[in-house]
């Protein structure tokens, strides 16, 4: 498994494909005392030939981050959302991606 570094472009097998890893905070980087917080982690699996395409699609979600991937098609997906509703929408959207054949929850935490 290789770790993707925050805010650095990563190039996969195809040199024309570049993915920028965000910092997982989306547009909610100023948490206040009355804010909710929902954090979860998941292991996603995709066929290796679709890894870059799947990674790019996951990173389009504002509440998703992918800190680690491997060449066999496994991805660690972190969800950092302001509410459980936003988190569930993100999770369901990622699960429904065409090349995701497994999306297993590992950890979740909610603060209200």
C-alpha atoms as a PDB file:
ATOM      1  CA  UNK A   1       0.000   0.000   0.000  1.00  0.00           C
ATOM      2  CA  UNK A   2       1.341   3.425  -0.797  1.00  0.00           C
ATOM      3  CA  UNK A   3       0.442   6.556   1.043  1.00  0.00           C
ATOM      4  CA  UNK A   4      -0.712   9.559  -0.926  1.00  0.00           C
ATOM      5  CA  UNK A   5       0.691  12.801   0.418  1.00  0.00           C
ATOM      6  CA  UNK A   6      -1.554  15.714   1.237  1.00  0.00           C
ATOM      7  CA  UNK A   7      -1.988  18.234  -1.575  1.00  0.00           C
ATOM      8  CA  UNK A   8       0.578  16.613  -3.871  1.00  0.00           C
ATOM      9  CA  UNK A   9      -0.279  15.461  -7.388  1.00  0.00           C
ATOM     10  CA  UNK A  10       0.031  11.718  -7.910  1.00  0.00           C
ATOM     11  CA  UNK A  11       0.496  10.098 -11.271  1.00  0.00           C
ATOM     12  CA  UNK A  12      -0.586   6.516 -11.866  1.00  0.00           C
ATOM     13  CA  UNK A  13       0.156   4.021 -14.599  1.00  0.00           C
ATOM     14  CA  UNK A  14      -1.020   6.479 -17.223  1.00  0.00           C
ATOM     15  CA  UNK A  15       1.200   9.588 -16.948  1.00  0.00           C
ATOM     16  CA  UNK A  16      -1.664  11.756 -18.198  1.00  0.00           C
ATOM     17  CA  UNK A  17      -3.742  10.957 -15.089  1.00  0.00           C
ATOM     18  CA  UNK A  18      -3.080  13.184 -12.095  1.00  0.00           C
ATOM     19  CA  UNK A  19      -5.025  13.173  -8.834  1.00  0.00           C
ATOM     20  CA  UNK A  20      -4.633  15.807  -6.153  1.00  0.00           C
ATOM     21  CA  UNK A  21      -5.296  14.551  -2.644  1.00  0.00           C
ATOM     22  CA  UNK A  22      -7.228  17.030  -0.537  1.00  0.00           C
ATOM     23  CA  UNK A  23      -6.793  17.433   3.198  1.00  0.00           C
ATOM     24  CA  UNK A  24     -10.076  15.752   4.122  1.00  0.00           C
ATOM     25  CA  UNK A  25     -11.592  18.911   5.530  1.00  0.00           C
ATOM     26  CA  UNK A  26     -13.591  19.933   2.487  1.00  0.00           C
ATOM     27  CA  UNK A  27     -15.265  23.265   3.116  1.00  0.00           C
ATOM     28  CA  UNK A  28     -15.750  22.594   6.826  1.00  0.00           C
ATOM     29  CA  UNK A  29     -12.350  23.464   8.275  1.00  0.00           C
ATOM     30  CA  UNK A  30     -13.634  25.908  10.908  1.00  0.00           C
ATOM     31  CA  UNK A  31     -15.447  23.728  13.423  1.00  0.00           C
ATOM     32  CA  UNK A  32     -17.333  25.512  16.192  1.00  0.00           C
ATOM     33  CA  UNK A  33     -18.531  24.197  19.539  1.00  0.00           C
ATOM     34  CA  UNK A  34     -22.070  23.720  18.210  1.00  0.00           C
ATOM     35  CA  UNK A  35     -21.016  21.920  15.016  1.00  0.00           C
ATOM     36  CA  UNK A  36     -21.624  18.249  14.372  1.00  0.00           C
ATOM     37  CA  UNK A  37     -18.857  16.016  13.088  1.00  0.00           C
ATOM     38  CA  UNK A  38     -19.080  12.630  11.432  1.00  0.00           C
ATOM     39  CA  UNK A  39     -15.906  10.684  10.654  1.00  0.00           C
ATOM     40  CA  UNK A  40     -15.664   7.219   9.140  1.00  0.00           C
ATOM     41  CA  UNK A  41     -13.119   5.092   7.343  1.00  0.00           C
ATOM     42  CA  UNK A  42     -13.690   2.409   4.731  1.00  0.00           C
ATOM     43  CA  UNK A  43     -11.748  -0.018   2.575  1.00  0.00           C
ATOM     44  CA  UNK A  44     -12.821   0.127  -1.067  1.00  0.00           C
ATOM     45  CA  UNK A  45     -11.840  -2.369  -3.732  1.00  0.00           C
ATOM     46  CA  UNK A  46     -11.818  -1.870  -7.463  1.00  0.00           C
ATOM     47  CA  UNK A  47     -10.228  -3.802 -10.324  1.00  0.00           C
ATOM     48  CA  UNK A  48      -6.595  -2.615 -10.650  1.00  0.00           C
ATOM     49  CA  UNK A  49      -7.160  -1.433 -14.213  1.00  0.00           C
ATOM     50  CA  UNK A  50      -9.802   1.020 -12.905  1.00  0.00           C
ATOM     51  CA  UNK A  51      -7.813   2.271  -9.902  1.00  0.00           C
ATOM     52  CA  UNK A  52      -6.986   5.730 -11.254  1.00  0.00           C
ATOM     53  CA  UNK A  53     -10.502   6.296 -12.602  1.00  0.00           C
ATOM     54  CA  UNK A  54     -12.064   5.203  -9.295  1.00  0.00           C
ATOM     55  CA  UNK A  55      -9.636   7.293  -7.251  1.00  0.00           C
ATOM     56  CA  UNK A  56     -10.461  10.353  -9.331  1.00  0.00           C
ATOM     57  CA  UNK A  57     -14.223   9.743  -8.896  1.00  0.00           C
ATOM     58  CA  UNK A  58     -13.930   9.356  -5.110  1.00  0.00           C
ATOM     59  CA  UNK A  59     -11.852  12.516  -4.798  1.00  0.00           C
ATOM     60  CA  UNK A  60     -14.633  14.502  -6.484  1.00  0.00           C
ATOM     61  CA  UNK A  61     -16.696  14.102  -3.311  1.00  0.00           C
ATOM     62  CA  UNK A  62     -16.178  17.128  -1.029  1.00  0.00           C
ATOM     63  CA  UNK A  63     -16.236  15.017   2.163  1.00  0.00           C
ATOM     64  CA  UNK A  64     -14.001  12.158   0.953  1.00  0.00           C
ATOM     65  CA  UNK A  65     -10.257  11.688   1.125  1.00  0.00           C
ATOM     66  CA  UNK A  66      -8.049   8.774   0.004  1.00  0.00           C
ATOM     67  CA  UNK A  67      -4.813   8.678   2.019  1.00  0.00           C
ATOM     68  CA  UNK A  68      -3.635   5.224   0.860  1.00  0.00           C
ATOM     69  CA  UNK A  69      -3.946   2.973  -2.192  1.00  0.00           C
ATOM     70  CA  UNK A  70      -2.232  -0.144  -3.463  1.00  0.00           C
ATOM     71  CA  UNK A  71      -1.616  -1.485  -6.949  1.00  0.00           C
ATOM     72  CA  UNK A  72      -4.109  -4.332  -6.410  1.00  0.00           C
ATOM     73  CA  UNK A  73      -7.056  -1.927  -6.279  1.00  0.00           C
ATOM     74  CA  UNK A  74      -7.508  -1.368  -2.544  1.00  0.00           C
ATOM     75  CA  UNK A  75      -8.165   2.170  -1.300  1.00  0.00           C
ATOM     76  CA  UNK A  76      -8.501   3.572   2.207  1.00  0.00           C
ATOM     77  CA  UNK A  77     -11.362   6.084   2.085  1.00  0.00           C
ATOM     78  CA  UNK A  78     -11.922   8.623   4.851  1.00  0.00           C
ATOM     79  CA  UNK A  79     -15.223  10.455   5.180  1.00  0.00           C
ATOM     80  CA  UNK A  80     -15.149  13.715   7.155  1.00  0.00           C
ATOM     81  CA  UNK A  81     -18.582  15.337   7.010  1.00  0.00           C
ATOM     82  CA  UNK A  82     -20.369  17.988   9.075  1.00  0.00           C
ATOM     83  CA  UNK A  83     -23.469  15.796   9.567  1.00  0.00           C
ATOM     84  CA  UNK A  84     -24.367  12.130   9.380  1.00  0.00           C
ATOM     85  CA  UNK A  85     -26.744  12.978   6.495  1.00  0.00           C
ATOM     86  CA  UNK A  86     -23.832  14.370   4.449  1.00  0.00           C
ATOM     87  CA  UNK A  87     -21.713  11.356   5.354  1.00  0.00           C
ATOM     88  CA  UNK A  88     -24.410   8.886   4.327  1.00  0.00           C
ATOM     89  CA  UNK A  89     -24.920  10.668   0.996  1.00  0.00           C
ATOM     90  CA  UNK A  90     -21.172  10.497   0.360  1.00  0.00           C
ATOM     91  CA  UNK A  91     -20.941   6.825   1.351  1.00  0.00           C
ATOM     92  CA  UNK A  92     -23.916   5.840  -0.815  1.00  0.00           C
ATOM     93  CA  UNK A  93     -22.540   7.797  -3.756  1.00  0.00           C
ATOM     94  CA  UNK A  94     -19.132   6.105  -3.505  1.00  0.00           C
ATOM     95  CA  UNK A  95     -20.724   2.662  -3.079  1.00  0.00           C
ATOM     96  CA  UNK A  96     -22.687   3.191  -6.280  1.00  0.00           C
ATOM     97  CA  UNK A  97     -19.627   3.983  -8.425  1.00  0.00           C
ATOM     98  CA  UNK A  98     -19.432   1.605 -11.381  1.00  0.00           C
ATOM     99  CA  UNK A  99     -16.055   0.054 -10.512  1.00  0.00           C
ATOM    100  CA  UNK A 100     -16.449  -0.306  -6.728  1.00  0.00           C
ATOM    101  CA  UNK A 101     -17.137  -3.947  -5.947  1.00  0.00           C
ATOM    102  CA  UNK A 102     -16.500  -3.748  -2.200  1.00  0.00           C
ATOM    103  CA  UNK A 103     -16.843  -0.859   0.258  1.00  0.00           C
ATOM    104  CA  UNK A 104     -16.330  -2.054   3.817  1.00  0.00           C
ATOM    105  CA  UNK A 105     -16.721   0.198   6.865  1.00  0.00           C
ATOM    106  CA  UNK A 106     -13.832   0.048   9.327  1.00  0.00           C
ATOM    107  CA  UNK A 107     -14.486   2.870  11.802  1.00  0.00           C
ATOM    108  CA  UNK A 108     -17.063   5.536  12.491  1.00  0.00           C
ATOM    109  CA  UNK A 109     -17.488   8.317  15.034  1.00  0.00           C
ATOM    110  CA  UNK A 110     -20.058  11.072  15.427  1.00  0.00           C
ATOM    111  CA  UNK A 111     -19.967  14.133  17.636  1.00  0.00           C
ATOM    112  CA  UNK A 112     -23.109  16.134  18.242  1.00  0.00           C
END
